[in-house]
Amino acid sequence: MPSGSFHFVITHFLYEYVCLDLLDQMEALRACDPEAVYLLINCEGGDGDAVYYTCEQIGRLALPVVAYNCGTVNSAANLLYLAADADRRFMLTDRCSFKIHEASRRLKEQQLESREIGLGDAYAAYMALNWLNHQIAAVYAQRTLLCERNPDQIFELLFTGISTYVGHEACKFGFAHSVKPLPNPFISTYVPLTMGG
């Protein structure tokens, strides 16, 4: 594989298999010592557990990740965006938005009913979801300026409903470093995400 810059265009729901595919491809990029790995995100969200795991693993890969909000970064997609360091997170325009909220109970209940997560009972599912929300709050505390980086306050914020941060407010709260266009010309190698199950 050639060296240089690579980019992932992420516009679809971040199911577990999509996250694992992304990790596999990013792991393969380590061998070519890329100048930058761009995550171009315009995404409504995804599986909270899978995206949290992906965020943690991207950090361990130590790749030069650059994240762009290309419209909206919602829900679990924020965790993927925040995998980039603070000075490598940008928005294409000052109208780009970030939306955060608690991890979805509805998706977990559906998985439990179909025995996809095999937790066995409702209490275990509740405890797993509670753990995930605390982990998500910790990511926001470490990688944004929300609630003066207090994870307990961020945890409470997640349960107040959907919080939206747009443009300069998103910069103020540490989601994005600044509004910045993509490099022009944007020369890179596109690495597609497979959509197979």
N, C-alpha and C. Protein backbone atom coordinates (compact mmCIF):
# COMPACT_ATOMS: atom_id res chain seq x y z
N MET A 1 0.84 -1.18 0.00
CA MET A 1 0.00 0.00 0.00
C MET A 1 0.89 1.25 0.00
N PRO A 2 0.52 2.28 -0.74
CA PRO A 2 1.35 3.49 -0.77
C PRO A 2 1.22 4.28 0.53
N SER A 3 2.26 5.07 0.83
CA SER A 3 2.15 5.96 1.98
C SER A 3 1.43 7.23 1.55
N GLY A 4 1.19 8.15 2.46
CA GLY A 4 0.47 9.38 2.16
C GLY A 4 -0.71 9.53 3.08
N SER A 5 -1.75 10.16 2.58
CA SER A 5 -2.96 10.37 3.37
C SER A 5 -4.06 9.42 2.91
N PHE A 6 -4.87 9.01 3.85
CA PHE A 6 -5.99 8.11 3.56
C PHE A 6 -7.23 8.70 4.22
N HIS A 7 -8.37 8.47 3.61
CA HIS A 7 -9.58 8.98 4.26
C HIS A 7 -10.72 7.98 4.21
N PHE A 8 -11.51 8.03 5.28
CA PHE A 8 -12.71 7.23 5.43
C PHE A 8 -13.90 8.18 5.44
N VAL A 9 -14.84 7.96 4.54
CA VAL A 9 -16.07 8.76 4.50
C VAL A 9 -17.13 7.98 5.26
N ILE A 10 -17.59 8.52 6.36
CA ILE A 10 -18.48 7.80 7.26
C ILE A 10 -19.83 8.51 7.30
N THR A 11 -20.79 7.93 6.59
CA THR A 11 -22.12 8.55 6.50
C THR A 11 -23.23 7.61 6.92
N HIS A 12 -22.92 6.35 7.16
CA HIS A 12 -23.96 5.38 7.48
C HIS A 12 -23.93 5.04 8.98
N PHE A 13 -24.98 4.41 9.44
CA PHE A 13 -25.09 4.03 10.85
C PHE A 13 -23.93 3.13 11.24
N LEU A 14 -23.34 3.39 12.39
CA LEU A 14 -22.15 2.65 12.82
C LEU A 14 -22.55 1.37 13.56
N TYR A 15 -22.95 0.39 12.77
CA TYR A 15 -23.22 -0.93 13.34
C TYR A 15 -21.90 -1.56 13.79
N GLU A 16 -21.99 -2.61 14.59
CA GLU A 16 -20.78 -3.26 15.09
C GLU A 16 -19.88 -3.73 13.95
N TYR A 17 -20.46 -4.35 12.92
CA TYR A 17 -19.61 -4.87 11.84
C TYR A 17 -18.92 -3.74 11.08
N VAL A 18 -19.56 -2.58 10.98
CA VAL A 18 -18.93 -1.43 10.32
C VAL A 18 -17.73 -0.95 11.15
N CYS A 19 -17.90 -0.89 12.47
CA CYS A 19 -16.81 -0.47 13.36
C CYS A 19 -15.64 -1.43 13.28
N LEU A 20 -15.92 -2.73 13.27
CA LEU A 20 -14.85 -3.72 13.21
C LEU A 20 -14.12 -3.65 11.88
N ASP A 21 -14.87 -3.40 10.80
CA ASP A 21 -14.26 -3.25 9.48
C ASP A 21 -13.35 -2.02 9.45
N LEU A 22 -13.81 -0.94 10.03
CA LEU A 22 -13.01 0.28 10.11
C LEU A 22 -11.71 0.01 10.87
N LEU A 23 -11.80 -0.67 11.99
CA LEU A 23 -10.60 -0.99 12.77
C LEU A 23 -9.63 -1.87 11.99
N ASP A 24 -10.16 -2.87 11.29
CA ASP A 24 -9.30 -3.74 10.49
C ASP A 24 -8.52 -2.93 9.46
N GLN A 25 -9.23 -2.03 8.78
CA GLN A 25 -8.58 -1.24 7.73
C GLN A 25 -7.57 -0.24 8.32
N MET A 26 -7.90 0.34 9.48
CA MET A 26 -6.96 1.26 10.10
C MET A 26 -5.73 0.53 10.62
N GLU A 27 -5.93 -0.68 11.12
CA GLU A 27 -4.79 -1.51 11.55
C GLU A 27 -3.86 -1.78 10.37
N ALA A 28 -4.43 -2.05 9.20
CA ALA A 28 -3.62 -2.31 8.00
C ALA A 28 -2.83 -1.07 7.58
N LEU A 29 -3.36 0.11 7.86
CA LEU A 29 -2.67 1.35 7.47
C LEU A 29 -1.40 1.60 8.28
N ARG A 30 -1.28 0.97 9.44
CA ARG A 30 -0.08 1.19 10.26
C ARG A 30 1.19 0.80 9.52
N ALA A 31 1.08 -0.20 8.67
CA ALA A 31 2.26 -0.70 7.96
C ALA A 31 2.83 0.31 6.97
N CYS A 32 1.98 1.25 6.50
CA CYS A 32 2.48 2.21 5.50
C CYS A 32 2.82 3.57 6.09
N ASP A 33 2.78 3.69 7.41
CA ASP A 33 3.20 4.92 8.08
C ASP A 33 2.57 6.16 7.43
N PRO A 34 1.24 6.26 7.45
CA PRO A 34 0.56 7.35 6.73
C PRO A 34 0.84 8.72 7.34
N GLU A 35 0.82 9.73 6.47
CA GLU A 35 0.96 11.11 6.94
C GLU A 35 -0.27 11.52 7.74
N ALA A 36 -1.44 11.08 7.31
CA ALA A 36 -2.68 11.41 8.01
C ALA A 36 -3.75 10.39 7.63
N VAL A 37 -4.64 10.14 8.58
CA VAL A 37 -5.82 9.30 8.34
C VAL A 37 -7.03 10.17 8.65
N TYR A 38 -7.76 10.54 7.62
CA TYR A 38 -8.90 11.44 7.77
C TYR A 38 -10.18 10.64 8.03
N LEU A 39 -10.92 11.04 9.04
CA LEU A 39 -12.27 10.52 9.28
C LEU A 39 -13.23 11.65 8.90
N LEU A 40 -13.91 11.51 7.77
CA LEU A 40 -14.85 12.52 7.30
C LEU A 40 -16.25 12.05 7.69
N ILE A 41 -16.80 12.66 8.73
CA ILE A 41 -18.00 12.10 9.38
C ILE A 41 -19.21 13.01 9.18
N ASN A 42 -20.28 12.40 8.69
CA ASN A 42 -21.60 13.04 8.64
C ASN A 42 -22.57 11.91 8.98
N CYS A 43 -22.80 11.70 10.27
CA CYS A 43 -23.38 10.43 10.72
C CYS A 43 -24.36 10.65 11.87
N GLU A 44 -25.46 9.92 11.82
CA GLU A 44 -26.50 10.04 12.84
C GLU A 44 -26.22 9.23 14.10
N GLY A 45 -25.21 8.35 14.08
CA GLY A 45 -24.91 7.61 15.30
C GLY A 45 -24.61 6.15 15.02
N GLY A 46 -24.74 5.34 16.06
CA GLY A 46 -24.44 3.93 15.90
C GLY A 46 -24.57 3.17 17.20
N ASP A 47 -24.04 1.97 17.20
CA ASP A 47 -24.05 1.10 18.37
C ASP A 47 -23.05 1.64 19.38
N GLY A 48 -23.55 2.10 20.53
CA GLY A 48 -22.69 2.75 21.53
C GLY A 48 -21.54 1.88 22.00
N ASP A 49 -21.80 0.61 22.28
CA ASP A 49 -20.75 -0.30 22.74
C ASP A 49 -19.66 -0.44 21.69
N ALA A 50 -20.07 -0.66 20.43
CA ALA A 50 -19.11 -0.89 19.35
C ALA A 50 -18.29 0.36 19.07
N VAL A 51 -18.94 1.53 19.08
CA VAL A 51 -18.21 2.76 18.77
C VAL A 51 -17.27 3.13 19.92
N TYR A 52 -17.70 2.87 21.16
CA TYR A 52 -16.81 3.12 22.29
C TYR A 52 -15.56 2.26 22.19
N TYR A 53 -15.74 0.99 21.88
CA TYR A 53 -14.60 0.08 21.73
C TYR A 53 -13.70 0.56 20.59
N THR A 54 -14.31 0.99 19.49
CA THR A 54 -13.54 1.49 18.34
C THR A 54 -12.71 2.70 18.71
N CYS A 55 -13.30 3.63 19.44
CA CYS A 55 -12.60 4.83 19.89
C CYS A 55 -11.38 4.45 20.72
N GLU A 56 -11.55 3.50 21.64
CA GLU A 56 -10.44 3.06 22.50
C GLU A 56 -9.33 2.41 21.67
N GLN A 57 -9.71 1.59 20.70
CA GLN A 57 -8.71 0.89 19.90
C GLN A 57 -7.97 1.83 18.95
N ILE A 58 -8.67 2.82 18.41
CA ILE A 58 -8.00 3.80 17.54
C ILE A 58 -6.91 4.52 18.32
N GLY A 59 -7.18 4.83 19.58
CA GLY A 59 -6.17 5.47 20.41
C GLY A 59 -4.92 4.61 20.55
N ARG A 60 -5.10 3.31 20.63
CA ARG A 60 -3.96 2.40 20.78
C ARG A 60 -3.17 2.22 19.48
N LEU A 61 -3.80 2.49 18.35
CA LEU A 61 -3.11 2.36 17.06
C LEU A 61 -2.08 3.46 16.85
N ALA A 62 -2.26 4.58 17.53
CA ALA A 62 -1.32 5.71 17.45
C ALA A 62 -1.13 6.21 16.01
N LEU A 63 -2.22 6.26 15.25
CA LEU A 63 -2.19 6.81 13.90
C LEU A 63 -2.45 8.31 13.95
N PRO A 64 -1.97 9.06 12.96
CA PRO A 64 -2.22 10.51 12.91
C PRO A 64 -3.64 10.80 12.39
N VAL A 65 -4.63 10.60 13.25
CA VAL A 65 -6.03 10.73 12.87
C VAL A 65 -6.44 12.21 12.86
N VAL A 66 -7.11 12.59 11.78
CA VAL A 66 -7.69 13.93 11.65
C VAL A 66 -9.19 13.74 11.42
N ALA A 67 -10.02 14.34 12.28
CA ALA A 67 -11.48 14.16 12.16
C ALA A 67 -12.14 15.44 11.66
N TYR A 68 -13.06 15.26 10.73
CA TYR A 68 -13.84 16.38 10.20
C TYR A 68 -15.33 16.11 10.41
N ASN A 69 -16.03 17.09 10.99
CA ASN A 69 -17.48 17.07 11.00
C ASN A 69 -17.91 17.67 9.67
N CYS A 70 -18.54 16.85 8.83
CA CYS A 70 -18.93 17.29 7.48
C CYS A 70 -20.41 17.63 7.40
N GLY A 71 -21.05 17.85 8.53
CA GLY A 71 -22.47 18.19 8.55
C GLY A 71 -23.04 18.02 9.93
N THR A 72 -23.18 16.77 10.34
CA THR A 72 -23.65 16.50 11.69
C THR A 72 -22.94 15.26 12.23
N VAL A 73 -22.58 15.34 13.50
CA VAL A 73 -22.01 14.19 14.21
C VAL A 73 -22.91 13.97 15.42
N ASN A 74 -23.68 12.92 15.39
CA ASN A 74 -24.70 12.69 16.41
C ASN A 74 -24.41 11.44 17.22
N SER A 75 -24.86 11.47 18.47
CA SER A 75 -24.92 10.29 19.29
C SER A 75 -23.56 9.59 19.36
N ALA A 76 -23.53 8.28 19.15
CA ALA A 76 -22.30 7.51 19.28
C ALA A 76 -21.22 7.94 18.29
N ALA A 77 -21.61 8.57 17.17
CA ALA A 77 -20.61 9.02 16.20
C ALA A 77 -19.64 10.04 16.82
N ASN A 78 -20.07 10.73 17.88
CA ASN A 78 -19.18 11.66 18.57
C ASN A 78 -17.95 10.94 19.11
N LEU A 79 -18.12 9.72 19.59
CA LEU A 79 -16.99 8.99 20.15
C LEU A 79 -15.94 8.72 19.08
N LEU A 80 -16.39 8.40 17.87
CA LEU A 80 -15.46 8.18 16.77
C LEU A 80 -14.74 9.49 16.42
N TYR A 81 -15.50 10.57 16.35
CA TYR A 81 -14.91 11.89 16.04
C TYR A 81 -13.88 12.28 17.09
N LEU A 82 -14.19 12.02 18.36
CA LEU A 82 -13.30 12.40 19.45
C LEU A 82 -12.07 11.51 19.58
N ALA A 83 -11.97 10.48 18.73
CA ALA A 83 -10.76 9.65 18.72
C ALA A 83 -9.56 10.46 18.24
N ALA A 84 -9.79 11.52 17.49
CA ALA A 84 -8.70 12.40 17.06
C ALA A 84 -8.31 13.33 18.20
N ASP A 85 -7.05 13.74 18.23
CA ASP A 85 -6.61 14.70 19.25
C ASP A 85 -7.28 16.04 19.03
N ALA A 86 -7.35 16.85 20.10
CA ALA A 86 -8.10 18.10 20.08
C ALA A 86 -7.67 19.04 18.95
N ASP A 87 -6.39 19.11 18.66
CA ASP A 87 -5.92 20.03 17.62
C ASP A 87 -6.04 19.43 16.21
N ARG A 88 -6.66 18.26 16.12
CA ARG A 88 -6.86 17.60 14.82
C ARG A 88 -8.35 17.33 14.57
N ARG A 89 -9.22 18.10 15.23
CA ARG A 89 -10.67 17.96 15.04
C ARG A 89 -11.22 19.26 14.46
N PHE A 90 -11.89 19.14 13.30
CA PHE A 90 -12.34 20.33 12.59
C PHE A 90 -13.79 20.19 12.14
N MET A 91 -14.37 21.33 11.74
CA MET A 91 -15.69 21.38 11.12
C MET A 91 -15.53 22.01 9.74
N LEU A 92 -16.29 21.54 8.77
CA LEU A 92 -16.21 22.12 7.43
C LEU A 92 -16.79 23.53 7.40
N THR A 93 -17.87 23.76 8.13
CA THR A 93 -18.49 25.09 8.19
C THR A 93 -18.93 25.37 9.62
N ASP A 94 -19.33 26.62 9.88
CA ASP A 94 -19.79 26.97 11.22
C ASP A 94 -21.23 26.55 11.46
N ARG A 95 -21.82 25.82 10.51
CA ARG A 95 -23.18 25.29 10.69
C ARG A 95 -23.17 23.81 11.07
N CYS A 96 -21.99 23.22 11.15
CA CYS A 96 -21.89 21.81 11.55
C CYS A 96 -22.35 21.64 13.00
N SER A 97 -22.97 20.51 13.30
CA SER A 97 -23.53 20.31 14.64
C SER A 97 -23.07 19.00 15.26
N PHE A 98 -23.08 19.01 16.59
CA PHE A 98 -22.80 17.83 17.40
C PHE A 98 -23.99 17.64 18.33
N LYS A 99 -24.52 16.43 18.41
CA LYS A 99 -25.64 16.15 19.31
C LYS A 99 -25.25 15.00 20.22
N ILE A 100 -25.43 15.20 21.52
CA ILE A 100 -25.10 14.15 22.49
C ILE A 100 -26.31 13.82 23.35
N HIS A 101 -26.35 12.59 23.82
CA HIS A 101 -27.43 12.13 24.71
C HIS A 101 -26.99 10.81 25.32
N GLU A 102 -27.80 10.27 26.21
CA GLU A 102 -27.48 8.99 26.83
C GLU A 102 -27.50 7.87 25.79
N ALA A 103 -26.79 6.80 26.08
CA ALA A 103 -26.81 5.63 25.21
C ALA A 103 -28.23 5.09 25.12
N SER A 104 -28.63 4.66 23.94
CA SER A 104 -30.01 4.29 23.68
C SER A 104 -30.43 3.01 24.38
N ARG A 105 -31.46 3.12 25.21
CA ARG A 105 -32.02 1.95 25.88
C ARG A 105 -32.81 1.09 24.89
N ARG A 106 -33.45 1.74 23.91
CA ARG A 106 -34.30 1.01 22.97
C ARG A 106 -33.50 -0.04 22.20
N LEU A 107 -32.32 0.34 21.70
CA LEU A 107 -31.51 -0.60 20.94
C LEU A 107 -31.08 -1.77 21.82
N LYS A 108 -30.70 -1.48 23.06
CA LYS A 108 -30.27 -2.54 23.96
C LYS A 108 -31.41 -3.50 24.27
N GLU A 109 -32.63 -2.95 24.44
CA GLU A 109 -33.77 -3.80 24.73
C GLU A 109 -34.06 -4.72 23.53
N GLN A 110 -33.93 -4.18 22.32
CA GLN A 110 -34.15 -5.00 21.13
C GLN A 110 -33.11 -6.11 21.06
N GLN A 111 -31.86 -5.78 21.36
CA GLN A 111 -30.80 -6.78 21.33
C GLN A 111 -31.04 -7.85 22.39
N LEU A 112 -31.51 -7.42 23.57
CA LEU A 112 -31.75 -8.36 24.65
C LEU A 112 -32.85 -9.34 24.27
N GLU A 113 -33.93 -8.79 23.68
CA GLU A 113 -35.05 -9.63 23.29
C GLU A 113 -34.63 -10.68 22.25
N SER A 114 -33.74 -10.29 21.37
CA SER A 114 -33.29 -11.23 20.34
C SER A 114 -32.06 -12.02 20.79
N ARG A 115 -31.67 -11.81 22.06
CA ARG A 115 -30.54 -12.52 22.69
C ARG A 115 -29.20 -12.24 21.99
N GLU A 116 -29.11 -11.07 21.33
CA GLU A 116 -27.86 -10.74 20.65
C GLU A 116 -26.75 -10.45 21.65
N ILE A 117 -27.09 -9.88 22.81
CA ILE A 117 -26.05 -9.55 23.76
C ILE A 117 -25.98 -10.55 24.89
N GLY A 118 -26.92 -11.45 24.98
CA GLY A 118 -26.87 -12.56 25.92
C GLY A 118 -26.65 -12.17 27.37
N LEU A 119 -27.21 -11.07 27.83
CA LEU A 119 -27.00 -10.66 29.21
C LEU A 119 -27.90 -11.40 30.20
N GLY A 120 -28.96 -12.02 29.68
CA GLY A 120 -29.75 -12.89 30.53
C GLY A 120 -30.96 -12.28 31.18
N ASP A 121 -30.89 -11.04 31.68
CA ASP A 121 -32.06 -10.44 32.32
C ASP A 121 -32.02 -8.92 32.22
N ALA A 122 -33.14 -8.30 32.55
CA ALA A 122 -33.28 -6.85 32.39
C ALA A 122 -32.33 -6.09 33.31
N TYR A 123 -32.09 -6.60 34.50
CA TYR A 123 -31.19 -5.90 35.43
C TYR A 123 -29.76 -5.86 34.89
N ALA A 124 -29.31 -6.98 34.35
CA ALA A 124 -27.97 -7.02 33.77
C ALA A 124 -27.86 -6.05 32.59
N ALA A 125 -28.94 -5.98 31.78
CA ALA A 125 -28.95 -5.06 30.65
C ALA A 125 -28.88 -3.61 31.15
N TYR A 126 -29.64 -3.33 32.20
CA TYR A 126 -29.61 -1.98 32.77
C TYR A 126 -28.22 -1.63 33.28
N MET A 127 -27.58 -2.55 33.99
CA MET A 127 -26.25 -2.30 34.54
C MET A 127 -25.22 -2.11 33.42
N ALA A 128 -25.34 -2.88 32.35
CA ALA A 128 -24.42 -2.73 31.22
C ALA A 128 -24.58 -1.37 30.56
N LEU A 129 -25.84 -0.94 30.43
CA LEU A 129 -26.11 0.36 29.82
C LEU A 129 -25.62 1.49 30.73
N ASN A 130 -25.80 1.34 32.02
CA ASN A 130 -25.33 2.33 32.98
C ASN A 130 -23.81 2.45 32.92
N TRP A 131 -23.12 1.30 32.84
CA TRP A 131 -21.67 1.30 32.70
C TRP A 131 -21.24 2.04 31.43
N LEU A 132 -21.94 1.75 30.31
CA LEU A 132 -21.59 2.39 29.05
C LEU A 132 -21.75 3.90 29.14
N ASN A 133 -22.85 4.36 29.75
CA ASN A 133 -23.06 5.81 29.87
C ASN A 133 -21.97 6.46 30.73
N HIS A 134 -21.49 5.77 31.76
CA HIS A 134 -20.38 6.32 32.55
C HIS A 134 -19.10 6.37 31.71
N GLN A 135 -18.86 5.37 30.88
CA GLN A 135 -17.68 5.37 30.02
C GLN A 135 -17.75 6.50 29.00
N ILE A 136 -18.94 6.71 28.43
CA ILE A 136 -19.13 7.79 27.46
C ILE A 136 -18.90 9.14 28.13
N ALA A 137 -19.42 9.31 29.34
CA ALA A 137 -19.20 10.56 30.08
C ALA A 137 -17.71 10.79 30.32
N ALA A 138 -16.98 9.71 30.61
CA ALA A 138 -15.53 9.84 30.84
C ALA A 138 -14.81 10.28 29.56
N VAL A 139 -15.25 9.78 28.39
CA VAL A 139 -14.64 10.22 27.13
C VAL A 139 -14.87 11.70 26.92
N TYR A 140 -16.11 12.16 27.14
CA TYR A 140 -16.39 13.59 26.99
C TYR A 140 -15.58 14.42 27.99
N ALA A 141 -15.39 13.90 29.20
CA ALA A 141 -14.61 14.63 30.21
C ALA A 141 -13.15 14.74 29.80
N GLN A 142 -12.62 13.70 29.20
CA GLN A 142 -11.21 13.69 28.80
C GLN A 142 -10.95 14.47 27.52
N ARG A 143 -11.95 14.50 26.61
CA ARG A 143 -11.66 14.99 25.26
C ARG A 143 -12.46 16.22 24.85
N THR A 144 -13.29 16.77 25.76
CA THR A 144 -13.98 18.04 25.49
C THR A 144 -13.83 18.92 26.73
N LEU A 145 -14.48 20.08 26.68
CA LEU A 145 -14.47 21.00 27.82
C LEU A 145 -15.85 21.09 28.47
N LEU A 146 -16.70 20.10 28.23
CA LEU A 146 -18.04 20.09 28.82
C LEU A 146 -17.96 20.04 30.34
N CYS A 147 -18.84 20.79 31.00
CA CYS A 147 -19.01 20.72 32.47
C CYS A 147 -17.67 20.77 33.20
N GLU A 148 -16.75 21.60 32.68
CA GLU A 148 -15.42 21.73 33.29
C GLU A 148 -14.74 20.37 33.47
N ARG A 149 -15.02 19.48 32.53
CA ARG A 149 -14.41 18.14 32.50
C ARG A 149 -14.78 17.28 33.71
N ASN A 150 -15.92 17.53 34.28
CA ASN A 150 -16.39 16.74 35.42
C ASN A 150 -17.26 15.60 34.90
N PRO A 151 -16.77 14.35 34.97
CA PRO A 151 -17.54 13.23 34.39
C PRO A 151 -18.90 13.01 35.03
N ASP A 152 -19.04 13.29 36.34
CA ASP A 152 -20.34 13.11 36.99
C ASP A 152 -21.36 14.11 36.46
N GLN A 153 -20.93 15.34 36.24
CA GLN A 153 -21.84 16.35 35.69
C GLN A 153 -22.18 16.04 34.24
N ILE A 154 -21.20 15.55 33.50
CA ILE A 154 -21.48 15.17 32.11
C ILE A 154 -22.46 14.01 32.06
N PHE A 155 -22.31 13.05 32.96
CA PHE A 155 -23.25 11.92 33.05
C PHE A 155 -24.67 12.44 33.24
N GLU A 156 -24.85 13.41 34.13
CA GLU A 156 -26.17 14.00 34.35
C GLU A 156 -26.66 14.73 33.11
N LEU A 157 -25.73 15.44 32.42
CA LEU A 157 -26.09 16.16 31.20
C LEU A 157 -26.64 15.22 30.14
N LEU A 158 -26.05 14.04 30.02
CA LEU A 158 -26.49 13.08 29.00
C LEU A 158 -27.96 12.70 29.19
N PHE A 159 -28.44 12.73 30.42
CA PHE A 159 -29.81 12.30 30.72
C PHE A 159 -30.82 13.44 30.73
N THR A 160 -30.38 14.65 30.36
CA THR A 160 -31.32 15.79 30.32
C THR A 160 -32.01 15.89 28.96
N GLY A 161 -31.70 14.99 28.06
CA GLY A 161 -32.24 15.05 26.71
C GLY A 161 -31.10 15.25 25.73
N ILE A 162 -31.44 15.67 24.51
CA ILE A 162 -30.42 15.87 23.48
C ILE A 162 -29.81 17.26 23.63
N SER A 163 -28.51 17.34 23.76
CA SER A 163 -27.79 18.61 23.81
C SER A 163 -27.10 18.80 22.46
N THR A 164 -27.28 19.99 21.88
CA THR A 164 -26.74 20.28 20.56
C THR A 164 -25.74 21.43 20.64
N TYR A 165 -24.61 21.25 19.96
CA TYR A 165 -23.55 22.26 19.92
C TYR A 165 -23.24 22.54 18.45
N VAL A 166 -23.31 23.81 18.07
CA VAL A 166 -23.15 24.19 16.66
C VAL A 166 -22.04 25.23 16.54
N GLY A 167 -21.26 25.11 15.48
CA GLY A 167 -20.30 26.13 15.11
C GLY A 167 -19.35 26.53 16.21
N HIS A 168 -19.29 27.83 16.49
CA HIS A 168 -18.33 28.35 17.45
C HIS A 168 -18.60 27.84 18.87
N GLU A 169 -19.86 27.53 19.17
CA GLU A 169 -20.17 26.94 20.48
C GLU A 169 -19.50 25.57 20.61
N ALA A 170 -19.48 24.83 19.50
CA ALA A 170 -18.81 23.52 19.52
C ALA A 170 -17.32 23.68 19.77
N CYS A 171 -16.73 24.74 19.24
CA CYS A 171 -15.31 25.01 19.51
C CYS A 171 -15.11 25.42 20.97
N LYS A 172 -16.01 26.24 21.47
CA LYS A 172 -15.92 26.70 22.86
C LYS A 172 -15.93 25.53 23.84
N PHE A 173 -16.75 24.51 23.55
CA PHE A 173 -16.85 23.36 24.43
C PHE A 173 -15.89 22.22 24.06
N GLY A 174 -14.95 22.51 23.16
CA GLY A 174 -13.86 21.57 22.90
C GLY A 174 -14.16 20.42 21.98
N PHE A 175 -15.29 20.47 21.27
CA PHE A 175 -15.56 19.40 20.31
C PHE A 175 -14.62 19.54 19.11
N ALA A 176 -14.58 20.74 18.55
CA ALA A 176 -13.75 20.99 17.38
C ALA A 176 -12.70 22.05 17.71
N HIS A 177 -11.57 21.95 17.03
CA HIS A 177 -10.52 22.97 17.19
C HIS A 177 -10.93 24.25 16.48
N SER A 178 -11.46 24.10 15.25
CA SER A 178 -11.83 25.28 14.46
C SER A 178 -12.61 24.84 13.23
N VAL A 179 -13.14 25.85 12.52
CA VAL A 179 -13.72 25.62 11.20
C VAL A 179 -12.57 25.67 10.20
N LYS A 180 -12.47 24.64 9.37
CA LYS A 180 -11.33 24.57 8.45
C LYS A 180 -11.73 23.76 7.22
N PRO A 181 -11.48 24.30 6.03
CA PRO A 181 -11.79 23.51 4.83
C PRO A 181 -10.82 22.34 4.71
N LEU A 182 -11.23 21.35 3.95
CA LEU A 182 -10.33 20.25 3.65
C LEU A 182 -9.15 20.77 2.85
N PRO A 183 -7.98 20.16 2.99
CA PRO A 183 -6.82 20.58 2.20
C PRO A 183 -7.17 20.62 0.72
N ASN A 184 -6.69 21.63 0.04
CA ASN A 184 -7.02 21.82 -1.37
C ASN A 184 -5.73 21.92 -2.18
N PRO A 185 -5.43 21.05 -3.12
CA PRO A 185 -6.29 19.91 -3.45
C PRO A 185 -6.20 18.81 -2.40
N PHE A 186 -7.31 18.13 -2.20
CA PHE A 186 -7.35 17.07 -1.19
C PHE A 186 -6.88 15.78 -1.85
N ILE A 187 -5.58 15.55 -1.79
CA ILE A 187 -4.98 14.39 -2.44
C ILE A 187 -4.80 13.29 -1.41
N SER A 188 -5.42 12.17 -1.64
CA SER A 188 -5.31 11.07 -0.70
C SER A 188 -5.80 9.79 -1.36
N THR A 189 -5.72 8.74 -0.63
CA THR A 189 -6.25 7.46 -1.09
C THR A 189 -7.51 7.15 -0.30
N TYR A 190 -8.58 6.88 -1.01
CA TYR A 190 -9.84 6.57 -0.36
C TYR A 190 -9.87 5.10 0.03
N VAL A 191 -10.15 4.85 1.29
CA VAL A 191 -10.25 3.47 1.78
C VAL A 191 -11.73 3.22 2.09
N PRO A 192 -12.44 2.45 1.26
CA PRO A 192 -13.87 2.27 1.48
C PRO A 192 -14.18 1.35 2.66
N LEU A 193 -15.28 1.61 3.30
CA LEU A 193 -15.81 0.70 4.31
C LEU A 193 -16.71 -0.30 3.60
N THR A 194 -16.50 -1.58 3.81
CA THR A 194 -17.38 -2.56 3.22
C THR A 194 -18.72 -2.56 3.96
N MET A 195 -19.78 -2.83 3.26
CA MET A 195 -21.10 -2.82 3.86
C MET A 195 -21.65 -4.23 4.05
N GLY A 196 -20.84 -5.24 3.78
CA GLY A 196 -21.30 -6.61 3.97
C GLY A 196 -21.46 -6.95 5.43
N GLY A 197 -22.40 -7.84 5.78
CA GLY A 197 -22.67 -8.17 7.16
C GLY A 197 -21.68 -9.14 7.74
